[in-house]
C-alpha atoms as a PDB file:
ATOM      1  CA  MET A   1     -15.649  13.013 -11.505  1.00  0.00           C
ATOM      2  CA  SER A   2     -14.082  10.931 -14.273  1.00  0.00           C
ATOM      3  CA  GLU A   3     -15.796   7.848 -15.649  1.00  0.00           C
ATOM      4  CA  ARG A   4     -12.902   5.710 -14.412  1.00  0.00           C
ATOM      5  CA  VAL A   5     -13.361   6.931 -10.842  1.00  0.00           C
ATOM      6  CA  ARG A   6     -17.110   6.357 -11.106  1.00  0.00           C
ATOM      7  CA  GLU A   7     -16.463   2.827 -12.338  1.00  0.00           C
ATOM      8  CA  ILE A   8     -14.136   2.024  -9.443  1.00  0.00           C
ATOM      9  CA  LEU A   9     -16.570   3.462  -6.890  1.00  0.00           C
ATOM     10  CA  SER A  10     -19.295   1.214  -8.329  1.00  0.00           C
ATOM     11  CA  TRP A  11     -17.344  -1.825  -7.107  1.00  0.00           C
ATOM     12  CA  TYR A  12     -18.012  -0.819  -3.480  1.00  0.00           C
ATOM     13  CA  GLY A  13     -21.791  -0.900  -3.474  1.00  0.00           C
ATOM     14  CA  SER A  14     -22.125  -1.852   0.199  1.00  0.00           C
ATOM     15  CA  ASP A  15     -20.389   1.297   1.414  1.00  0.00           C
ATOM     16  CA  ASN A  16     -22.003   4.495   2.655  1.00  0.00           C
ATOM     17  CA  PRO A  17     -21.614   7.884   0.955  1.00  0.00           C
ATOM     18  CA  GLY A  18     -18.959   9.019   3.410  1.00  0.00           C
ATOM     19  CA  THR A  19     -16.671   6.100   2.612  1.00  0.00           C
ATOM     20  CA  LEU A  20     -17.255   6.489  -1.124  1.00  0.00           C
ATOM     21  CA  ALA A  21     -16.457  10.197  -0.844  1.00  0.00           C
ATOM     22  CA  ASN A  22     -13.159   9.402   0.875  1.00  0.00           C
ATOM     23  CA  LEU A  23     -12.267   6.808  -1.758  1.00  0.00           C
ATOM     24  CA  ALA A  24     -13.004   9.461  -4.368  1.00  0.00           C
ATOM     25  CA  ARG A  25     -10.730  11.914  -2.530  1.00  0.00           C
ATOM     26  CA  LEU A  26      -7.874   9.427  -2.771  1.00  0.00           C
ATOM     27  CA  MET A  27      -8.465   9.016  -6.498  1.00  0.00           C
ATOM     28  CA  ASN A  28      -9.105  12.688  -7.285  1.00  0.00           C
ATOM     29  CA  HIS A  29      -6.000  14.180  -5.691  1.00  0.00           C
ATOM     30  CA  GLY A  30      -2.582  14.887  -7.153  1.00  0.00           C
ATOM     31  CA  ARG A  31      -0.832  14.374 -10.445  1.00  0.00           C
ATOM     32  CA  LEU A  32      -2.823  11.211 -11.322  1.00  0.00           C
ATOM     33  CA  ALA A  33      -6.231  12.578 -10.284  1.00  0.00           C
ATOM     34  CA  GLY A  34      -9.124  10.987 -12.123  1.00  0.00           C
ATOM     35  CA  SER A  35      -7.068   8.244 -13.759  1.00  0.00           C
ATOM     36  CA  GLY A  36      -7.734   5.485 -11.240  1.00  0.00           C
ATOM     37  CA  ARG A  37      -3.969   5.225 -10.727  1.00  0.00           C
ATOM     38  CA  PHE A  38      -2.153   5.765  -7.442  1.00  0.00           C
ATOM     39  CA  VAL A  39       1.211   6.888  -6.157  1.00  0.00           C
ATOM     40  CA  ILE A  40       1.147   7.092  -2.359  1.00  0.00           C
ATOM     41  CA  LEU A  41       3.958   8.123  -0.007  1.00  0.00           C
ATOM     42  CA  PRO A  42       4.123   5.840   3.072  1.00  0.00           C
ATOM     43  CA  VAL A  43       6.410   6.745   5.956  1.00  0.00           C
ATOM     44  CA  ASP A  44       6.081   4.138   8.710  1.00  0.00           C
ATOM     45  CA  GLN A  45       9.737   3.125   8.491  1.00  0.00           C
ATOM     46  CA  GLY A  46      10.847   5.223  11.474  1.00  0.00           C
ATOM     47  CA  PHE A  47       8.681   2.995  13.680  1.00  0.00           C
ATOM     48  CA  GLU A  48       9.351  -0.215  11.759  1.00  0.00           C
ATOM     49  CA  HIS A  49      13.126   0.061  11.181  1.00  0.00           C
ATOM     50  CA  GLY A  50      14.388   2.895  13.377  1.00  0.00           C
ATOM     51  CA  PRO A  51      15.281   6.533  12.697  1.00  0.00           C
ATOM     52  CA  ALA A  52      18.853   6.213  11.450  1.00  0.00           C
ATOM     53  CA  ARG A  53      18.090   3.326   9.096  1.00  0.00           C
ATOM     54  CA  SER A  54      15.160   5.301   7.738  1.00  0.00           C
ATOM     55  CA  PHE A  55      16.295   8.921   7.618  1.00  0.00           C
ATOM     56  CA  ALA A  56      20.082   9.252   7.885  1.00  0.00           C
ATOM     57  CA  ALA A  57      20.487   9.040   4.092  1.00  0.00           C
ATOM     58  CA  ASN A  58      18.456  12.278   3.838  1.00  0.00           C
ATOM     59  CA  PRO A  59      18.530  14.066   7.231  1.00  0.00           C
ATOM     60  CA  ALA A  60      15.716  16.454   6.271  1.00  0.00           C
ATOM     61  CA  ALA A  61      13.422  13.423   6.522  1.00  0.00           C
ATOM     62  CA  TYR A  62      13.790  13.251  10.314  1.00  0.00           C
ATOM     63  CA  ASP A  63      11.235  16.110  10.360  1.00  0.00           C
ATOM     64  CA  PRO A  64       7.671  14.761   9.989  1.00  0.00           C
ATOM     65  CA  ARG A  65       6.628  17.893   8.112  1.00  0.00           C
ATOM     66  CA  TYR A  66       9.137  17.093   5.360  1.00  0.00           C
ATOM     67  CA  HIS A  67       7.023  14.148   4.255  1.00  0.00           C
ATOM     68  CA  PHE A  68       3.809  16.170   4.031  1.00  0.00           C
ATOM     69  CA  GLU A  69       5.704  18.680   1.889  1.00  0.00           C
ATOM     70  CA  LEU A  70       7.255  15.974  -0.301  1.00  0.00           C
ATOM     71  CA  ALA A  71       3.935  14.231  -0.937  1.00  0.00           C
ATOM     72  CA  LEU A  72       2.305  17.562  -1.782  1.00  0.00           C
ATOM     73  CA  ALA A  73       5.084  18.811  -4.049  1.00  0.00           C
ATOM     74  CA  ALA A  74       5.243  15.494  -5.892  1.00  0.00           C
ATOM     75  CA  GLY A  75       1.485  15.338  -6.443  1.00  0.00           C
ATOM     76  CA  CYS A  76       0.914  12.058  -4.602  1.00  0.00           C
ATOM     77  CA  ASN A  77      -2.611  10.744  -4.132  1.00  0.00           C
ATOM     78  CA  ALA A  78      -2.113  10.443  -0.378  1.00  0.00           C
ATOM     79  CA  TYR A  79       0.367  10.326   2.499  1.00  0.00           C
ATOM     80  CA  ALA A  80       0.320   7.411   4.966  1.00  0.00           C
ATOM     81  CA  ALA A  81       2.024   7.316   8.354  1.00  0.00           C
ATOM     82  CA  PRO A  82       1.615   6.249  12.003  1.00  0.00           C
ATOM     83  CA  LEU A  83      -0.051   8.409  14.641  1.00  0.00           C
ATOM     84  CA  GLY A  84       2.933  10.485  15.751  1.00  0.00           C
ATOM     85  CA  PHE A  85       4.064  11.558  12.304  1.00  0.00           C
ATOM     86  CA  LEU A  86       0.545  12.571  11.282  1.00  0.00           C
ATOM     87  CA  GLU A  87      -0.084  14.444  14.528  1.00  0.00           C
ATOM     88  CA  ALA A  88       3.116  16.421  13.905  1.00  0.00           C
ATOM     89  CA  GLY A  89       1.789  17.923  10.663  1.00  0.00           C
ATOM     90  CA  ALA A  90      -1.937  17.303  10.277  1.00  0.00           C
ATOM     91  CA  ALA A  91      -2.982  20.751  11.520  1.00  0.00           C
ATOM     92  CA  GLU A  92      -0.394  22.640   9.464  1.00  0.00           C
ATOM     93  CA  PHE A  93      -1.353  20.787   6.281  1.00  0.00           C
ATOM     94  CA  ALA A  94      -5.062  20.288   7.018  1.00  0.00           C
ATOM     95  CA  GLY A  95      -7.075  19.727   3.863  1.00  0.00           C
ATOM     96  CA  GLU A  96      -4.073  19.853   1.534  1.00  0.00           C
ATOM     97  CA  ILE A  97      -3.605  16.119   0.912  1.00  0.00           C
ATOM     98  CA  PRO A  98      -5.567  12.957   1.786  1.00  0.00           C
ATOM     99  CA  LEU A  99      -4.089  11.178   4.804  1.00  0.00           C
ATOM    100  CA  ILE A 100      -4.020   7.497   5.756  1.00  0.00           C
ATOM    101  CA  LEU A 101      -3.448   6.692   9.427  1.00  0.00           C
ATOM    102  CA  LYS A 102      -1.544   3.446   9.932  1.00  0.00           C
ATOM    103  CA  LEU A 103      -3.278   1.833  12.914  1.00  0.00           C
ATOM    104  CA  ASN A 104      -0.753  -0.911  13.695  1.00  0.00           C
ATOM    105  CA  ASN A 105       3.024  -1.101  13.568  1.00  0.00           C
ATOM    106  CA  SER A 106       5.941  -3.376  14.425  1.00  0.00           C
ATOM    107  CA  ASP A 107       9.414  -2.467  15.613  1.00  0.00           C
ATOM    108  CA  SER A 108      12.694  -4.218  14.857  1.00  0.00           C
ATOM    109  CA  LEU A 109      13.981  -4.339  18.443  1.00  0.00           C
ATOM    110  CA  SER A 110      12.516  -7.755  19.112  1.00  0.00           C
ATOM    111  CA  GLY A 111      12.807 -10.746  16.799  1.00  0.00           C
ATOM    112  CA  GLY A 112      10.520 -13.737  16.603  1.00  0.00           C
ATOM    113  CA  ALA A 113       9.299 -16.097  13.942  1.00  0.00           C
ATOM    114  CA  ASP A 114       5.666 -15.020  14.099  1.00  0.00           C
ATOM    115  CA  PRO A 115       5.217 -11.222  14.037  1.00  0.00           C
ATOM    116  CA  CYS A 116       2.123  -9.466  15.362  1.00  0.00           C
ATOM    117  CA  PRO A 117       2.081  -5.658  15.146  1.00  0.00           C
ATOM    118  CA  ALA A 118       0.885  -3.523  18.041  1.00  0.00           C
ATOM    119  CA  LEU A 119      -2.220  -1.366  17.737  1.00  0.00           C
ATOM    120  CA  THR A 120      -0.846   2.183  17.688  1.00  0.00           C
ATOM    121  CA  GLY A 121      -3.838   4.276  16.615  1.00  0.00           C
ATOM    122  CA  SER A 122      -7.625   4.250  16.429  1.00  0.00           C
ATOM    123  CA  VAL A 123     -10.393   5.053  13.986  1.00  0.00           C
ATOM    124  CA  ASP A 124     -11.254   8.079  16.101  1.00  0.00           C
ATOM    125  CA  ASP A 125      -7.634   9.247  15.805  1.00  0.00           C
ATOM    126  CA  ALA A 126      -8.024   9.053  12.035  1.00  0.00           C
ATOM    127  CA  LEU A 127     -11.217  11.129  12.167  1.00  0.00           C
ATOM    128  CA  ARG A 128      -9.644  13.678  14.518  1.00  0.00           C
ATOM    129  CA  LEU A 129      -6.699  14.136  12.152  1.00  0.00           C
ATOM    130  CA  GLY A 130      -8.912  14.534   9.072  1.00  0.00           C
ATOM    131  CA  CYS A 131      -7.827  11.292   7.418  1.00  0.00           C
ATOM    132  CA  SER A 132      -9.522   9.739   4.417  1.00  0.00           C
ATOM    133  CA  ALA A 133      -8.595   6.173   5.341  1.00  0.00           C
ATOM    134  CA  ILE A 134      -7.116   3.866   7.922  1.00  0.00           C
ATOM    135  CA  GLY A 135      -4.193   1.567   7.135  1.00  0.00           C
ATOM    136  CA  PHE A 136      -3.496  -1.804   8.736  1.00  0.00           C
ATOM    137  CA  THR A 137      -0.877  -4.526   8.271  1.00  0.00           C
ATOM    138  CA  ILE A 138      -1.665  -8.224   8.304  1.00  0.00           C
ATOM    139  CA  TYR A 139       0.940 -10.973   8.158  1.00  0.00           C
ATOM    140  CA  PRO A 140      -0.604 -14.053   6.543  1.00  0.00           C
ATOM    141  CA  ALA A 141       1.615 -17.051   7.461  1.00  0.00           C
ATOM    142  CA  SER A 142       2.284 -15.723  10.966  1.00  0.00           C
ATOM    143  CA  GLY A 143       1.109 -17.858  13.857  1.00  0.00           C
ATOM    144  CA  ALA A 144      -0.574 -14.678  15.124  1.00  0.00           C
ATOM    145  CA  ARG A 145      -2.472 -14.026  11.887  1.00  0.00           C
ATOM    146  CA  ASN A 146      -5.908 -14.831  13.326  1.00  0.00           C
ATOM    147  CA  GLU A 147      -5.463 -12.097  15.931  1.00  0.00           C
ATOM    148  CA  MET A 148      -4.684  -9.607  13.152  1.00  0.00           C
ATOM    149  CA  TYR A 149      -7.637 -10.788  11.076  1.00  0.00           C
ATOM    150  CA  GLY A 150      -9.961 -10.236  14.031  1.00  0.00           C
ATOM    151  CA  GLN A 151      -8.528  -6.786  14.695  1.00  0.00           C
ATOM    152  CA  ILE A 152      -8.926  -5.545  11.130  1.00  0.00           C
ATOM    153  CA  ARG A 153     -12.430  -6.973  10.864  1.00  0.00           C
ATOM    154  CA  ALA A 154     -13.506  -4.897  13.863  1.00  0.00           C
ATOM    155  CA  LEU A 155     -11.555  -1.798  12.818  1.00  0.00           C
ATOM    156  CA  ALA A 156     -12.828  -1.979   9.227  1.00  0.00           C
ATOM    157  CA  GLU A 157     -16.416  -2.251  10.464  1.00  0.00           C
ATOM    158  CA  GLU A 158     -15.932   0.865  12.611  1.00  0.00           C
ATOM    159  CA  ALA A 159     -14.077   2.783   9.894  1.00  0.00           C
ATOM    160  CA  LYS A 160     -16.733   2.083   7.284  1.00  0.00           C
ATOM    161  CA  ARG A 161     -19.529   2.975   9.694  1.00  0.00           C
ATOM    162  CA  LYS A 162     -17.796   6.323  10.285  1.00  0.00           C
ATOM    163  CA  GLY A 163     -17.160   6.984   6.592  1.00  0.00           C
ATOM    164  CA  LEU A 164     -13.471   6.090   6.171  1.00  0.00           C
ATOM    165  CA  ALA A 165     -11.816   3.880   3.574  1.00  0.00           C
ATOM    166  CA  VAL A 166      -9.720   0.843   4.523  1.00  0.00           C
ATOM    167  CA  VAL A 167      -6.216   0.131   3.207  1.00  0.00           C
ATOM    168  CA  VAL A 168      -4.621  -3.229   4.098  1.00  0.00           C
ATOM    169  CA  TRP A 169      -0.906  -3.975   3.860  1.00  0.00           C
ATOM    170  CA  SER A 170      -0.946  -7.757   3.254  1.00  0.00           C
ATOM    171  CA  TYR A 171       2.576  -9.120   3.739  1.00  0.00           C
ATOM    172  CA  PRO A 172       2.975 -12.894   4.114  1.00  0.00           C
ATOM    173  CA  ARG A 173       5.549 -13.382   6.868  1.00  0.00           C
ATOM    174  CA  GLY A 174       6.091 -15.870   9.674  1.00  0.00           C
ATOM    175  CA  SER A 175       6.691 -19.523  10.421  1.00  0.00           C
ATOM    176  CA  GLY A 176       4.179 -20.679   7.800  1.00  0.00           C
ATOM    177  CA  VAL A 177       6.251 -19.524   4.834  1.00  0.00           C
ATOM    178  CA  SER A 178       9.913 -19.475   3.792  1.00  0.00           C
ATOM    179  CA  LYS A 179      11.813 -16.238   3.228  1.00  0.00           C
ATOM    180  CA  GLU A 180      11.646 -16.864  -0.533  1.00  0.00           C
ATOM    181  CA  GLY A 181       7.967 -17.649  -0.162  1.00  0.00           C
ATOM    182  CA  GLU A 182       7.141 -14.195   1.223  1.00  0.00           C
ATOM    183  CA  THR A 183       7.097 -12.870  -2.358  1.00  0.00           C
ATOM    184  CA  ALA A 184       6.149 -16.093  -4.176  1.00  0.00           C
ATOM    185  CA  ILE A 185       3.433 -15.555  -6.761  1.00  0.00           C
ATOM    186  CA  ASP A 186       0.983 -18.011  -5.187  1.00  0.00           C
ATOM    187  CA  VAL A 187       1.515 -16.537  -1.725  1.00  0.00           C
ATOM    188  CA  VAL A 188       1.222 -12.884  -2.807  1.00  0.00           C
ATOM    189  CA  ALA A 189      -1.941 -13.650  -4.789  1.00  0.00           C
ATOM    190  CA  TYR A 190      -3.345 -15.479  -1.743  1.00  0.00           C
ATOM    191  CA  ALA A 191      -2.432 -12.520   0.483  1.00  0.00           C
ATOM    192  CA  ALA A 192      -4.289 -10.142  -1.852  1.00  0.00           C
ATOM    193  CA  GLN A 193      -7.357 -12.405  -1.768  1.00  0.00           C
ATOM    194  CA  ILE A 194      -7.287 -12.547   2.043  1.00  0.00           C
ATOM    195  CA  ALA A 195      -7.145  -8.760   2.318  1.00  0.00           C
ATOM    196  CA  CYS A 196     -10.115  -8.429  -0.025  1.00  0.00           C
ATOM    197  CA  GLN A 197     -12.072 -11.030   1.947  1.00  0.00           C
ATOM    198  CA  LEU A 198     -11.374  -9.024   5.116  1.00  0.00           C
ATOM    199  CA  GLY A 199     -13.064  -5.997   3.562  1.00  0.00           C
ATOM    200  CA  ALA A 200     -10.172  -3.888   2.260  1.00  0.00           C
ATOM    201  CA  HIS A 201     -10.949  -1.188  -0.276  1.00  0.00           C
ATOM    202  CA  VAL A 202      -7.259  -0.886  -1.191  1.00  0.00           C
ATOM    203  CA  VAL A 203      -4.770  -3.753  -0.954  1.00  0.00           C
ATOM    204  CA  LYS A 204      -1.016  -3.256  -0.720  1.00  0.00           C
ATOM    205  CA  VAL A 205       1.246  -6.196  -1.602  1.00  0.00           C
ATOM    206  CA  LYS A 206       4.830  -6.720  -2.700  1.00  0.00           C
ATOM    207  CA  PRO A 207       5.747  -7.337  -6.353  1.00  0.00           C
ATOM    208  CA  PRO A 208       5.682 -11.136  -6.754  1.00  0.00           C
ATOM    209  CA  THR A 209       8.465 -13.383  -7.989  1.00  0.00           C
ATOM    210  CA  ALA A 210       7.965 -16.431 -10.225  1.00  0.00           C
ATOM    211  CA  HIS A 211       8.614 -18.799  -7.300  1.00  0.00           C
ATOM    212  CA  VAL A 212       5.632 -20.961  -6.307  1.00  0.00           C
ATOM    213  CA  GLU A 213       5.801 -21.826  -2.614  1.00  0.00           C
ATOM    214  CA  GLN A 214       2.926 -24.220  -1.953  1.00  0.00           C
ATOM    215  CA  ALA A 215       3.053 -27.717  -3.412  1.00  0.00           C
ATOM    216  CA  ALA A 216      -0.721 -27.881  -3.812  1.00  0.00           C
ATOM    217  CA  ALA A 217      -0.763 -24.533  -5.587  1.00  0.00           C
ATOM    218  CA  LYS A 218       2.162 -25.526  -7.830  1.00  0.00           C
ATOM    219  CA  LYS A 219       0.111 -28.373  -9.290  1.00  0.00           C
ATOM    220  CA  VAL A 220      -2.697 -25.979 -10.215  1.00  0.00           C
ATOM    221  CA  TYR A 221      -0.376 -23.353 -11.696  1.00  0.00           C
ATOM    222  CA  GLU A 222       1.245 -26.017 -13.871  1.00  0.00           C
ATOM    223  CA  LYS A 223      -2.011 -27.731 -14.868  1.00  0.00           C
ATOM    224  CA  GLU A 224      -3.769 -24.479 -15.791  1.00  0.00           C
ATOM    225  CA  ARG A 225      -0.614 -23.004 -17.337  1.00  0.00           C
ATOM    226  CA  ILE A 226      -1.036 -19.702 -15.528  1.00  0.00           C
ATOM    227  CA  PRO A 227       1.474 -17.262 -17.104  1.00  0.00           C
ATOM    228  CA  LEU A 228       4.173 -16.291 -14.612  1.00  0.00           C
ATOM    229  CA  ALA A 229       7.289 -15.609 -16.665  1.00  0.00           C
ATOM    230  CA  THR A 230       7.243 -11.813 -16.510  1.00  0.00           C
ATOM    231  CA  LEU A 231       6.456  -9.434 -13.674  1.00  0.00           C
ATOM    232  CA  ALA A 232       3.609  -7.957 -15.725  1.00  0.00           C
ATOM    233  CA  GLU A 233       2.040 -11.433 -15.996  1.00  0.00           C
ATOM    234  CA  ARG A 234       2.434 -11.994 -12.274  1.00  0.00           C
ATOM    235  CA  VAL A 235       0.929  -8.600 -11.449  1.00  0.00           C
ATOM    236  CA  ARG A 236      -2.005  -9.455 -13.714  1.00  0.00           C
ATOM    237  CA  HIS A 237      -2.584 -12.660 -11.754  1.00  0.00           C
ATOM    238  CA  VAL A 238      -2.443 -10.851  -8.395  1.00  0.00           C
ATOM    239  CA  VAL A 239      -4.980  -8.284  -9.641  1.00  0.00           C
ATOM    240  CA  GLN A 240      -7.158 -11.138 -10.919  1.00  0.00           C
ATOM    241  CA  SER A 241      -6.946 -12.701  -7.444  1.00  0.00           C
ATOM    242  CA  ALA A 242      -8.310  -9.456  -5.963  1.00  0.00           C
ATOM    243  CA  PHE A 243     -11.889 -10.148  -7.040  1.00  0.00           C
ATOM    244  CA  ASN A 244     -11.010 -10.206 -10.739  1.00  0.00           C
ATOM    245  CA  GLY A 245      -9.684  -6.660 -10.573  1.00  0.00           C
ATOM    246  CA  ARG A 246     -12.667  -5.220  -8.703  1.00  0.00           C
ATOM    247  CA  ARG A 247     -10.525  -4.153  -5.767  1.00  0.00           C
ATOM    248  CA  ILE A 248      -7.722  -1.587  -5.897  1.00  0.00           C
ATOM    249  CA  VAL A 249      -4.314  -3.304  -5.717  1.00  0.00           C
ATOM    250  CA  ILE A 250      -1.130  -1.278  -5.282  1.00  0.00           C
ATOM    251  CA  PHE A 251       2.435  -2.501  -4.970  1.00  0.00           C
ATOM    252  CA  SER A 252       5.185  -1.559  -2.536  1.00  0.00           C
ATOM    253  CA  GLY A 253       8.516  -0.113  -3.569  1.00  0.00           C
ATOM    254  CA  GLY A 254      10.366  -2.109  -0.917  1.00  0.00           C
ATOM    255  CA  GLU A 255      13.996  -1.627   0.008  1.00  0.00           C
ATOM    256  CA  ALA A 256      16.049   1.129  -1.588  1.00  0.00           C
ATOM    257  CA  LYS A 257      17.172  -0.083  -4.992  1.00  0.00           C
ATOM    258  CA  ASP A 258      18.585   1.020  -8.333  1.00  0.00           C
ATOM    259  CA  THR A 259      16.363   3.614  -9.980  1.00  0.00           C
ATOM    260  CA  ALA A 260      16.306   1.874 -13.353  1.00  0.00           C
ATOM    261  CA  ALA A 261      15.226  -1.410 -11.750  1.00  0.00           C
ATOM    262  CA  LEU A 262      12.492   0.314  -9.789  1.00  0.00           C
ATOM    263  CA  LEU A 263      11.156   2.097 -12.874  1.00  0.00           C
ATOM    264  CA  ASP A 264      11.110  -1.235 -14.709  1.00  0.00           C
ATOM    265  CA  GLU A 265       8.972  -2.559 -11.856  1.00  0.00           C
ATOM    266  CA  VAL A 266       6.599   0.379 -12.239  1.00  0.00           C
ATOM    267  CA  ARG A 267       6.247  -0.294 -15.969  1.00  0.00           C
ATOM    268  CA  ALA A 268       5.468  -3.945 -15.252  1.00  0.00           C
ATOM    269  CA  ILE A 269       2.870  -2.977 -12.646  1.00  0.00           C
ATOM    270  CA  ARG A 270       1.235  -0.632 -15.157  1.00  0.00           C
ATOM    271  CA  ASP A 271       1.343  -3.193 -17.971  1.00  0.00           C
ATOM    272  CA  GLY A 272      -0.051  -5.901 -15.700  1.00  0.00           C
ATOM    273  CA  GLY A 273      -3.065  -3.821 -14.720  1.00  0.00           C
ATOM    274  CA  GLY A 274      -1.868  -2.841 -11.250  1.00  0.00           C
ATOM    275  CA  PHE A 275      -3.379   0.351  -9.897  1.00  0.00           C
ATOM    276  CA  GLY A 276      -0.144   1.950  -8.770  1.00  0.00           C
ATOM    277  CA  SER A 277       2.670   2.095  -6.263  1.00  0.00           C
ATOM    278  CA  ILE A 278       3.178   3.016  -2.636  1.00  0.00           C
ATOM    279  CA  ILE A 279       6.824   4.064  -2.462  1.00  0.00           C
ATOM    280  CA  GLY A 280       8.508   5.096   0.782  1.00  0.00           C
ATOM    281  CA  ARG A 281      12.253   4.578   1.184  1.00  0.00           C
ATOM    282  CA  ASN A 282      12.898   4.893  -2.535  1.00  0.00           C
ATOM    283  CA  SER A 283      11.333   8.355  -2.324  1.00  0.00           C
ATOM    284  CA  PHE A 284      12.224  10.008   0.980  1.00  0.00           C
ATOM    285  CA  GLN A 285      15.770   8.637   1.216  1.00  0.00           C
ATOM    286  CA  ARG A 286      16.688  10.701  -1.845  1.00  0.00           C
ATOM    287  CA  GLN A 287      17.483  14.390  -1.667  1.00  0.00           C
ATOM    288  CA  ARG A 288      14.317  16.416  -2.267  1.00  0.00           C
ATOM    289  CA  ASP A 289      14.996  17.439  -5.866  1.00  0.00           C
ATOM    290  CA  LYS A 290      15.983  13.902  -6.814  1.00  0.00           C
ATOM    291  CA  ALA A 291      12.935  12.502  -5.047  1.00  0.00           C
ATOM    292  CA  LEU A 292      10.645  14.869  -6.931  1.00  0.00           C
ATOM    293  CA  ASN A 293      12.236  13.952 -10.262  1.00  0.00           C
ATOM    294  CA  PHE A 294      11.918  10.262  -9.456  1.00  0.00           C
ATOM    295  CA  LEU A 295       8.256  10.496  -8.401  1.00  0.00           C
ATOM    296  CA  SER A 296       7.471  12.617 -11.459  1.00  0.00           C
ATOM    297  CA  THR A 297       8.889   9.879 -13.681  1.00  0.00           C
ATOM    298  CA  VAL A 298       6.857   7.211 -11.865  1.00  0.00           C
ATOM    299  CA  MET A 299       3.685   9.239 -12.360  1.00  0.00           C
ATOM    300  CA  LYS A 300       4.430   9.834 -16.025  1.00  0.00           C
ATOM    301  CA  ILE A 301       4.765   6.077 -16.511  1.00  0.00           C
ATOM    302  CA  TYR A 302       1.410   5.447 -14.849  1.00  0.00           C
ATOM    303  CA  ALA A 303      -0.167   8.274 -16.828  1.00  0.00           C
ATOM    304  CA  GLY A 304       1.037   6.686 -20.068  1.00  0.00           C
ATOM    305  CA  GLU A 305       3.283   9.625 -20.879  1.00  0.00           C
ATOM    306  CA  LEU A 306       6.414   7.452 -20.781  1.00  0.00           C
ATOM    307  CA  LYS A 307       6.873   3.915 -22.013  1.00  0.00           C
END
């Protein structure tokens, strides 16, 4: 056990030994083991966006087992997916990589201004499949947000009682915020704070832009001269908003994008004190060898082996 992992575990003093052990498993697995840094492979896009949009660019990815193999070969800290994808490979790969079961998901077949994901798995499913953690999405700014907050409060209580860690995807979305505001610095920082207040051990947010959405917040940002010019500065503020850095904050890779731009994002996350990345489409939509090279570069950046 590295001193960095021990330090991070000390931030979660209310948790039982089982939950702490599972947090340690997440931090002690893969290429970045012991560093307190994370690169996680999430594959919920088949449910969220549909199979062709998710996997046609790399047809091998239609097979759920492909993602277990990719996460293992790359040396990821963990692999996160909905119930069906994990059930399709959990027995074959039992004990080989920490798993995160995503307990709620949305689909893109129905629109609506205020999203509310369906519950698609349970804490007992996560235990049955040998998972280290549950995952859950909340949409701050949705008119249905209070329903999601209530669901994750109950699920987090159960998960912690049964020794699992809790990972919260906190994505502002809905009628309470503009499209530009979904990634505004004040809104992303607020979303990170909400996830922490709801009991998350690990918070997943999107990289924030310099836009400030809320008029009341804009006055404070200007008065206090909070640095926002660079992504590294904005990441630092989001981490600060997560209990002054005493909660693990990781950042999504988002839509498929230019490799150089994505690696610049990773450098900014590292330089801003972010704990790592959770990169789905930008990983599994590449051919396997290219995906492994890409993820290796990301991990080298977080390990300080590349500038």
